[in-house]
Every structure is written in C-alpha cells, then in structure tokens.
PDB file of all heavy atoms in Angstrom:
ATOM      1  N   PRO A   1      95.355   9.773  21.837  1.00  0.00           N
ATOM      2  CA  PRO A   1      96.435  10.696  21.469  1.00  0.00           C
ATOM      3  C   PRO A   1      97.761   9.956  21.313  1.00  0.00           C
ATOM      4  O   PRO A   1      97.995   8.940  21.980  1.00  0.00           O
ATOM      5  CB  PRO A   1      96.470  11.680  22.640  1.00  0.00           C
ATOM      6  CG  PRO A   1      95.890  10.930  23.791  1.00  0.00           C
ATOM      7  CD  PRO A   1      94.867   9.999  23.209  1.00  0.00           C
ATOM      8  N   PHE A   2      98.618  10.451  20.418  1.00  0.00           N
ATOM      9  CA  PHE A   2      99.900   9.775  20.193  1.00  0.00           C
ATOM     10  C   PHE A   2     101.060  10.765  20.045  1.00  0.00           C
ATOM     11  O   PHE A   2     102.024  10.518  19.325  1.00  0.00           O
ATOM     12  CB  PHE A   2      99.818   8.846  18.970  1.00  0.00           C
ATOM     13  CG  PHE A   2      99.451   9.522  17.668  1.00  0.00           C
ATOM     14  CD1 PHE A   2     100.419   9.874  16.750  1.00  0.00           C
ATOM     15  CD2 PHE A   2      98.122   9.792  17.367  1.00  0.00           C
ATOM     16  CE1 PHE A   2     100.080  10.488  15.550  1.00  0.00           C
ATOM     17  CE2 PHE A   2      97.776  10.407  16.175  1.00  0.00           C
ATOM     18  CZ  PHE A   2      98.754  10.756  15.258  1.00  0.00           C
ATOM     19  N   GLY A   3     100.946  11.896  20.756  1.00  0.00           N
ATOM     20  CA  GLY A   3     102.066  12.820  20.815  1.00  0.00           C
ATOM     21  C   GLY A   3     102.006  13.999  19.867  1.00  0.00           C
ATOM     22  O   GLY A   3     102.968  14.777  19.786  1.00  0.00           O
ATOM     23  N   VAL A   4     100.907  14.189  19.150  1.00  0.00           N
ATOM     24  CA  VAL A   4     100.813  15.245  18.144  1.00  0.00           C
ATOM     25  C   VAL A   4     100.925  16.638  18.759  1.00  0.00           C
ATOM     26  O   VAL A   4     101.658  17.497  18.258  1.00  0.00           O
ATOM     27  CB  VAL A   4      99.495  15.117  17.346  1.00  0.00           C
ATOM     28  CG1 VAL A   4      99.246  16.362  16.495  1.00  0.00           C
ATOM     29  CG2 VAL A   4      99.534  13.879  16.473  1.00  0.00           C
ATOM     30  N   ILE A   5     100.189  16.884  19.840  1.00  0.00           N
ATOM     31  CA  ILE A   5     100.181  18.227  20.425  1.00  0.00           C
ATOM     32  C   ILE A   5     101.582  18.649  20.858  1.00  0.00           C
ATOM     33  O   ILE A   5     102.029  19.770  20.556  1.00  0.00           O
ATOM     34  CB  ILE A   5      99.182  18.296  21.597  1.00  0.00           C
ATOM     35  CG1 ILE A   5      97.746  18.222  21.060  1.00  0.00           C
ATOM     36  CG2 ILE A   5      99.371  19.589  22.394  1.00  0.00           C
ATOM     37  CD1 ILE A   5      96.686  18.189  22.127  1.00  0.00           C
ATOM     38  N   GLU A   6     102.314  17.764  21.525  1.00  0.00           N
ATOM     39  CA  GLU A   6     103.668  18.103  21.943  1.00  0.00           C
ATOM     40  C   GLU A   6     104.581  18.323  20.742  1.00  0.00           C
ATOM     41  O   GLU A   6     105.436  19.205  20.753  1.00  0.00           O
ATOM     42  CB  GLU A   6     104.234  17.005  22.854  1.00  0.00           C
ATOM     43  CG  GLU A   6     103.604  16.957  24.234  1.00  0.00           C
ATOM     44  CD  GLU A   6     103.733  18.283  24.974  1.00  0.00           C
ATOM     45  OE1 GLU A   6     104.839  18.868  24.967  1.00  0.00           O
ATOM     46  OE2 GLU A   6     102.727  18.733  25.546  1.00  0.00           O
ATOM     47  N   PHE A   7     104.388  17.524  19.691  1.00  0.00           N
ATOM     48  CA  PHE A   7     105.203  17.688  18.492  1.00  0.00           C
ATOM     49  C   PHE A   7     104.895  19.021  17.808  1.00  0.00           C
ATOM     50  O   PHE A   7     105.810  19.730  17.373  1.00  0.00           O
ATOM     51  CB  PHE A   7     104.971  16.529  17.521  1.00  0.00           C
ATOM     52  CG  PHE A   7     105.976  16.471  16.413  1.00  0.00           C
ATOM     53  CD1 PHE A   7     107.174  15.799  16.588  1.00  0.00           C
ATOM     54  CD2 PHE A   7     105.739  17.091  15.203  1.00  0.00           C
ATOM     55  CE1 PHE A   7     108.125  15.751  15.571  1.00  0.00           C
ATOM     56  CE2 PHE A   7     106.670  17.051  14.182  1.00  0.00           C
ATOM     57  CZ  PHE A   7     107.874  16.378  14.363  1.00  0.00           C
ATOM     58  N   CYS A   8     103.611  19.362  17.730  1.00  0.00           N
ATOM     59  CA  CYS A   8     103.214  20.618  17.088  1.00  0.00           C
ATOM     60  C   CYS A   8     103.743  21.844  17.838  1.00  0.00           C
ATOM     61  O   CYS A   8     103.994  22.888  17.227  1.00  0.00           O
ATOM     62  CB  CYS A   8     101.692  20.700  16.973  1.00  0.00           C
ATOM     63  SG  CYS A   8     100.980  19.630  15.697  1.00  0.00           S
ATOM     64  N   LYS A   9     103.907  21.731  19.136  1.00  0.00           N
ATOM     65  CA  LYS A   9     104.457  22.843  19.906  1.00  0.00           C
ATOM     66  C   LYS A   9     105.869  23.181  19.440  1.00  0.00           C
ATOM     67  O   LYS A   9     106.275  24.347  19.438  1.00  0.00           O
ATOM     68  CB  LYS A   9     104.474  22.499  21.389  1.00  0.00           C
ATOM     69  CG  LYS A   9     103.108  22.476  22.049  1.00  0.00           C
ATOM     70  CD  LYS A   9     103.211  22.085  23.525  1.00  0.00           C
ATOM     71  CE  LYS A   9     101.840  22.053  24.192  1.00  0.00           C
ATOM     72  NZ  LYS A   9     101.934  21.617  25.615  1.00  0.00           N
ATOM     73  N   THR A  10     106.617  22.171  19.029  1.00  0.00           N
ATOM     74  CA  THR A  10     107.989  22.358  18.578  1.00  0.00           C
ATOM     75  C   THR A  10     108.083  22.644  17.080  1.00  0.00           C
ATOM     76  O   THR A  10     108.860  23.489  16.644  1.00  0.00           O
ATOM     77  CB  THR A  10     108.823  21.091  18.886  1.00  0.00           C
ATOM     78  OG1 THR A  10     108.835  20.879  20.295  1.00  0.00           O
ATOM     79  CG2 THR A  10     110.246  21.225  18.376  1.00  0.00           C
ATOM     80  N   CYS A  11     107.290  21.955  16.293  1.00  0.00           N
ATOM     81  CA  CYS A  11     107.465  21.929  14.839  1.00  0.00           C
ATOM     82  C   CYS A  11     107.197  23.273  14.147  1.00  0.00           C
ATOM     83  O   CYS A  11     108.104  23.891  13.601  1.00  0.00           O
ATOM     84  CB  CYS A  11     106.574  20.840  14.244  1.00  0.00           C
ATOM     85  SG  CYS A  11     106.698  20.706  12.456  1.00  0.00           S
ATOM     86  N   LYS A  12     105.950  23.681  14.092  1.00  0.00           N
ATOM     87  CA  LYS A  12     105.498  24.943  13.498  1.00  0.00           C
ATOM     88  C   LYS A  12     105.711  25.027  11.986  1.00  0.00           C
ATOM     89  O   LYS A  12     105.586  26.104  11.399  1.00  0.00           O
ATOM     90  CB  LYS A  12     106.155  26.147  14.176  1.00  0.00           C
ATOM     91  CG  LYS A  12     105.890  26.224  15.670  1.00  0.00           C
ATOM     92  CD  LYS A  12     106.474  27.486  16.288  1.00  0.00           C
ATOM     93  CE  LYS A  12     106.218  27.522  17.789  1.00  0.00           C
ATOM     94  NZ  LYS A  12     106.750  28.755  18.411  1.00  0.00           N
ATOM     95  N   LYS A  13     106.022  23.925  11.319  1.00  0.00           N
ATOM     96  CA  LYS A  13     106.246  23.977   9.875  1.00  0.00           C
ATOM     97  C   LYS A  13     105.008  24.447   9.110  1.00  0.00           C
ATOM     98  O   LYS A  13     105.109  25.193   8.134  1.00  0.00           O
ATOM     99  CB  LYS A  13     106.673  22.598   9.365  1.00  0.00           C
ATOM    100  CG  LYS A  13     108.144  22.279   9.544  1.00  0.00           C
ATOM    101  CD  LYS A  13     108.457  20.886   9.011  1.00  0.00           C
ATOM    102  CE  LYS A  13     109.952  20.612   9.102  1.00  0.00           C
ATOM    103  NZ  LYS A  13     110.680  21.196   7.976  1.00  0.00           N
ATOM    104  N   CYS A  14     103.824  23.991   9.534  1.00  0.00           N
ATOM    105  CA  CYS A  14     102.611  24.388   8.819  1.00  0.00           C
ATOM    106  C   CYS A  14     102.408  25.895   8.892  1.00  0.00           C
ATOM    107  O   CYS A  14     102.001  26.536   7.909  1.00  0.00           O
ATOM    108  CB  CYS A  14     101.398  23.638   9.360  1.00  0.00           C
ATOM    109  SG  CYS A  14     101.061  23.877  11.116  1.00  0.00           S
ATOM    110  N   ALA A  15     102.715  26.497  10.043  1.00  0.00           N
ATOM    111  CA  ALA A  15     102.583  27.949  10.194  1.00  0.00           C
ATOM    112  C   ALA A  15     103.617  28.684   9.352  1.00  0.00           C
ATOM    113  O   ALA A  15     103.311  29.692   8.712  1.00  0.00           O
ATOM    114  CB  ALA A  15     102.722  28.337  11.667  1.00  0.00           C
ATOM    115  N   GLU A  16     104.829  28.175   9.319  1.00  0.00           N
ATOM    116  CA  GLU A  16     105.908  28.828   8.577  1.00  0.00           C
ATOM    117  C   GLU A  16     105.683  28.772   7.070  1.00  0.00           C
ATOM    118  O   GLU A  16     106.074  29.685   6.340  1.00  0.00           O
ATOM    119  CB  GLU A  16     107.243  28.169   8.928  1.00  0.00           C
ATOM    120  CG  GLU A  16     107.678  28.407  10.376  1.00  0.00           C
ATOM    121  CD  GLU A  16     108.770  27.455  10.820  1.00  0.00           C
ATOM    122  OE1 GLU A  16     109.204  26.609   9.994  1.00  0.00           O
ATOM    123  OE2 GLU A  16     109.188  27.554  11.992  1.00  0.00           O
ATOM    124  N   HIS A  17     105.055  27.708   6.591  1.00  0.00           N
ATOM    125  CA  HIS A  17     104.867  27.525   5.147  1.00  0.00           C
ATOM    126  C   HIS A  17     103.468  27.903   4.683  1.00  0.00           C
ATOM    127  O   HIS A  17     103.145  27.675   3.507  1.00  0.00           O
ATOM    128  CB  HIS A  17     105.155  26.078   4.772  1.00  0.00           C
ATOM    129  CG  HIS A  17     106.606  25.717   4.835  1.00  0.00           C
ATOM    130  ND1 HIS A  17     107.452  25.801   3.751  1.00  0.00           N
ATOM    131  CD2 HIS A  17     107.378  25.284   5.874  1.00  0.00           C
ATOM    132  CE1 HIS A  17     108.665  25.415   4.100  1.00  0.00           C
ATOM    133  NE2 HIS A  17     108.647  25.097   5.384  1.00  0.00           N
ATOM    134  N   CYS A  18     102.645  28.462   5.550  1.00  0.00           N
ATOM    135  CA  CYS A  18     101.291  28.872   5.162  1.00  0.00           C
ATOM    136  C   CYS A  18     101.376  30.175   4.374  1.00  0.00           C
ATOM    137  O   CYS A  18     101.744  31.213   4.931  1.00  0.00           O
ATOM    138  CB  CYS A  18     100.415  29.055   6.395  1.00  0.00           C
ATOM    139  SG  CYS A  18      98.744  29.650   6.014  1.00  0.00           S
ATOM    140  N   PRO A  19     101.051  30.179   3.082  1.00  0.00           N
ATOM    141  CA  PRO A  19     101.193  31.400   2.280  1.00  0.00           C
ATOM    142  C   PRO A  19     100.238  32.509   2.691  1.00  0.00           C
ATOM    143  O   PRO A  19     100.498  33.688   2.408  1.00  0.00           O
ATOM    144  CB  PRO A  19     100.910  30.925   0.857  1.00  0.00           C
ATOM    145  CG  PRO A  19     100.135  29.673   1.013  1.00  0.00           C
ATOM    146  CD  PRO A  19     100.591  29.037   2.280  1.00  0.00           C
ATOM    147  N   GLY A  20      99.148  32.167   3.373  1.00  0.00           N
ATOM    148  CA  GLY A  20      98.211  33.183   3.840  1.00  0.00           C
ATOM    149  C   GLY A  20      98.441  33.602   5.275  1.00  0.00           C
ATOM    150  O   GLY A  20      97.741  34.465   5.792  1.00  0.00           O
ATOM    151  N   GLN A  21      99.456  32.995   5.906  1.00  0.00           N
ATOM    152  CA  GLN A  21      99.739  33.222   7.329  1.00  0.00           C
ATOM    153  C   GLN A  21      98.469  33.099   8.166  1.00  0.00           C
ATOM    154  O   GLN A  21      98.145  33.941   9.009  1.00  0.00           O
ATOM    155  CB  GLN A  21     100.420  34.579   7.545  1.00  0.00           C
ATOM    156  CG  GLN A  21     101.879  34.587   7.120  1.00  0.00           C
ATOM    157  CD  GLN A  21     102.714  33.557   7.905  1.00  0.00           C
ATOM    158  OE1 GLN A  21     102.975  33.732   9.090  1.00  0.00           O
ATOM    159  NE2 GLN A  21     103.110  32.468   7.242  1.00  0.00           N
ATOM    160  N   ALA A  22      97.761  32.004   7.915  1.00  0.00           N
ATOM    161  CA  ALA A  22      96.484  31.743   8.589  1.00  0.00           C
ATOM    162  C   ALA A  22      96.629  30.840   9.799  1.00  0.00           C
ATOM    163  O   ALA A  22      95.662  30.635  10.525  1.00  0.00           O
ATOM    164  CB  ALA A  22      95.506  31.117   7.593  1.00  0.00           C
ATOM    165  N   ILE A  23      97.823  30.288  10.016  1.00  0.00           N
ATOM    166  CA  ILE A  23      98.041  29.324  11.094  1.00  0.00           C
ATOM    167  C   ILE A  23      98.870  29.968  12.194  1.00  0.00           C
ATOM    168  O   ILE A  23      99.872  30.631  11.930  1.00  0.00           O
ATOM    169  CB  ILE A  23      98.745  28.054  10.560  1.00  0.00           C
ATOM    170  CG1 ILE A  23      97.866  27.389   9.487  1.00  0.00           C
ATOM    171  CG2 ILE A  23      99.031  27.080  11.685  1.00  0.00           C
ATOM    172  CD1 ILE A  23      98.520  26.212   8.801  1.00  0.00           C
ATOM    173  N   SER A  24      98.467  29.761  13.428  1.00  0.00           N
ATOM    174  CA  SER A  24      99.099  30.398  14.574  1.00  0.00           C
ATOM    175  C   SER A  24     100.521  29.891  14.802  1.00  0.00           C
ATOM    176  O   SER A  24     100.791  28.691  14.734  1.00  0.00           O
ATOM    177  CB  SER A  24      98.258  30.142  15.830  1.00  0.00           C
ATOM    178  OG  SER A  24      98.958  30.532  16.986  1.00  0.00           O
ATOM    179  N   HIS A  25     101.436  30.821  15.107  1.00  0.00           N
ATOM    180  CA  HIS A  25     102.797  30.478  15.526  1.00  0.00           C
ATOM    181  C   HIS A  25     102.880  30.365  17.048  1.00  0.00           C
ATOM    182  O   HIS A  25     103.913  29.945  17.570  1.00  0.00           O
ATOM    183  CB  HIS A  25     103.788  31.555  15.063  1.00  0.00           C
ATOM    184  CG  HIS A  25     103.997  31.594  13.585  1.00  0.00           C
ATOM    185  ND1 HIS A  25     105.131  31.101  12.979  1.00  0.00           N
ATOM    186  CD2 HIS A  25     103.217  32.069  12.579  1.00  0.00           C
ATOM    187  CE1 HIS A  25     105.048  31.280  11.672  1.00  0.00           C
ATOM    188  NE2 HIS A  25     103.891  31.867  11.403  1.00  0.00           N
ATOM    189  N   GLY A  26     101.810  30.768  17.739  1.00  0.00           N
ATOM    190  CA  GLY A  26     101.858  30.876  19.190  1.00  0.00           C
ATOM    191  C   GLY A  26     101.282  29.674  19.906  1.00  0.00           C
ATOM    192  O   GLY A  26     101.222  28.559  19.382  1.00  0.00           O
ATOM    193  N   ASP A  27     100.849  29.919  21.134  1.00  0.00           N
ATOM    194  CA  ASP A  27     100.308  28.860  21.981  1.00  0.00           C
ATOM    195  C   ASP A  27      98.837  28.611  21.670  1.00  0.00           C
ATOM    196  O   ASP A  27      98.169  29.429  21.013  1.00  0.00           O
ATOM    197  CB  ASP A  27     100.456  29.240  23.459  1.00  0.00           C
ATOM    198  CG  ASP A  27     101.910  29.392  23.872  1.00  0.00           C
ATOM    199  OD1 ASP A  27     102.767  28.717  23.261  1.00  0.00           O
ATOM    200  OD2 ASP A  27     102.180  30.195  24.787  1.00  0.00           O
ATOM    201  N   MET A  28      98.322  27.509  22.175  1.00  0.00           N
ATOM    202  CA  MET A  28      96.897  27.233  22.053  1.00  0.00           C
ATOM    203  C   MET A  28      96.100  28.277  22.831  1.00  0.00           C
ATOM    204  O   MET A  28      96.603  28.868  23.784  1.00  0.00           O
ATOM    205  CB  MET A  28      96.588  25.832  22.577  1.00  0.00           C
ATOM    206  CG  MET A  28      97.143  24.724  21.707  1.00  0.00           C
ATOM    207  SD  MET A  28      96.586  23.064  22.225  1.00  0.00           S
ATOM    208  CE  MET A  28      97.523  22.862  23.727  1.00  0.00           C
ATOM    209  N   SER A  29      94.858  28.481  22.412  1.00  0.00           N
ATOM    210  CA  SER A  29      94.015  29.478  23.067  1.00  0.00           C
ATOM    211  C   SER A  29      92.592  28.956  23.154  1.00  0.00           C
ATOM    212  O   SER A  29      92.268  27.886  22.639  1.00  0.00           O
ATOM    213  CB  SER A  29      94.042  30.795  22.288  1.00  0.00           C
ATOM    214  OG  SER A  29      93.499  30.619  20.983  1.00  0.00           O
ATOM    215  N   LEU A  30      91.733  29.734  23.794  1.00  0.00           N
ATOM    216  CA  LEU A  30      90.327  29.352  23.947  1.00  0.00           C
ATOM    217  C   LEU A  30      89.419  30.033  22.930  1.00  0.00           C
ATOM    218  O   LEU A  30      88.229  29.718  22.859  1.00  0.00           O
ATOM    219  CB  LEU A  30      89.839  29.702  25.356  1.00  0.00           C
ATOM    220  CG  LEU A  30      90.412  28.855  26.492  1.00  0.00           C
ATOM    221  CD1 LEU A  30      90.017  29.455  27.841  1.00  0.00           C
ATOM    222  CD2 LEU A  30      89.907  27.414  26.392  1.00  0.00           C
ATOM    223  N   GLU A  31      89.968  30.953  22.163  1.00  0.00           N
ATOM    224  CA  GLU A  31      89.132  31.721  21.251  1.00  0.00           C
ATOM    225  C   GLU A  31      89.817  31.899  19.908  1.00  0.00           C
ATOM    226  O   GLU A  31      91.016  32.175  19.838  1.00  0.00           O
ATOM    227  CB  GLU A  31      88.815  33.090  21.850  1.00  0.00           C
ATOM    228  CG  GLU A  31      87.811  33.894  21.048  1.00  0.00           C
ATOM    229  CD  GLU A  31      87.385  35.170  21.761  1.00  0.00           C
ATOM    230  OE1 GLU A  31      87.792  35.370  22.917  1.00  0.00           O
ATOM    231  OE2 GLU A  31      86.640  35.968  21.155  1.00  0.00           O
ATOM    232  N   GLY A  32      89.042  31.727  18.835  1.00  0.00           N
ATOM    233  CA  GLY A  32      89.572  31.904  17.493  1.00  0.00           C
ATOM    234  C   GLY A  32      89.525  33.349  17.045  1.00  0.00           C
ATOM    235  O   GLY A  32      88.963  34.217  17.726  1.00  0.00           O
ATOM    236  N   PRO A  33      90.100  33.638  15.864  1.00  0.00           N
ATOM    237  CA  PRO A  33      90.258  35.026  15.420  1.00  0.00           C
ATOM    238  C   PRO A  33      89.008  35.683  14.847  1.00  0.00           C
ATOM    239  O   PRO A  33      88.964  36.903  14.724  1.00  0.00           O
ATOM    240  CB  PRO A  33      91.346  34.922  14.348  1.00  0.00           C
ATOM    241  CG  PRO A  33      91.215  33.528  13.822  1.00  0.00           C
ATOM    242  CD  PRO A  33      90.805  32.694  14.991  1.00  0.00           C
ATOM    243  N   ASN A  34      87.972  34.898  14.478  1.00  0.00           N
ATOM    244  CA  ASN A  34      86.786  35.512  13.871  1.00  0.00           C
ATOM    245  C   ASN A  34      85.593  34.565  13.989  1.00  0.00           C
ATOM    246  O   ASN A  34      85.699  33.495  14.600  1.00  0.00           O
ATOM    247  CB  ASN A  34      87.053  35.891  12.407  1.00  0.00           C
ATOM    248  CG  ASN A  34      87.646  34.730  11.614  1.00  0.00           C
ATOM    249  OD1 ASN A  34      87.028  33.680  11.488  1.00  0.00           O
ATOM    250  ND2 ASN A  34      88.857  34.926  11.094  1.00  0.00           N
ATOM    251  N   ILE A  35      84.469  34.934  13.396  1.00  0.00           N
ATOM    252  CA  ILE A  35      83.231  34.173  13.578  1.00  0.00           C
ATOM    253  C   ILE A  35      83.265  32.800  12.915  1.00  0.00           C
ATOM    254  O   ILE A  35      82.373  31.980  13.150  1.00  0.00           O
ATOM    255  CB  ILE A  35      82.001  34.947  13.072  1.00  0.00           C
ATOM    256  CG1 ILE A  35      82.099  35.223  11.570  1.00  0.00           C
ATOM    257  CG2 ILE A  35      81.817  36.233  13.859  1.00  0.00           C
ATOM    258  CD1 ILE A  35      80.822  35.794  10.981  1.00  0.00           C
ATOM    259  N   SER A  36      84.273  32.538  12.091  1.00  0.00           N
ATOM    260  CA  SER A  36      84.391  31.216  11.484  1.00  0.00           C
ATOM    261  C   SER A  36      85.074  30.210  12.406  1.00  0.00           C
ATOM    262  O   SER A  36      85.298  29.064  12.012  1.00  0.00           O
ATOM    263  CB  SER A  36      85.151  31.302  10.150  1.00  0.00           C
ATOM    264  OG  SER A  36      84.362  31.950   9.174  1.00  0.00           O
ATOM    265  N   SER A  37      85.415  30.635  13.620  1.00  0.00           N
ATOM    266  CA  SER A  37      86.025  29.751  14.610  1.00  0.00           C
ATOM    267  C   SER A  37      84.958  29.210  15.559  1.00  0.00           C
ATOM    268  O   SER A  37      84.104  29.957  16.027  1.00  0.00           O
ATOM    269  CB  SER A  37      87.074  30.505  15.431  1.00  0.00           C
ATOM    270  OG  SER A  37      88.055  31.088  14.601  1.00  0.00           O
TER     271      SER A  37
END
C-alpha cells in the first residue's frame, strides 16, 4: 500500500464526476449494493 485509501477518503473526485452516480460518497462497507458485488 502507498496511501491510496487515506487519499480516497478525502478526494471523492471519482464519485463527484461519475455521471451514473455509481460510486460511493460515503465510508467503506462490508456489503455492496446488488448481486454484482
């Protein structure tokens, strides 16, 4: 690891620019949103 997880906690650019709003703005979790997770 080289700091990605901590950076992603702050950044959120991918979530903000996702046109389908498919990327989480929140915290990490143990379960995905549907059977494709």
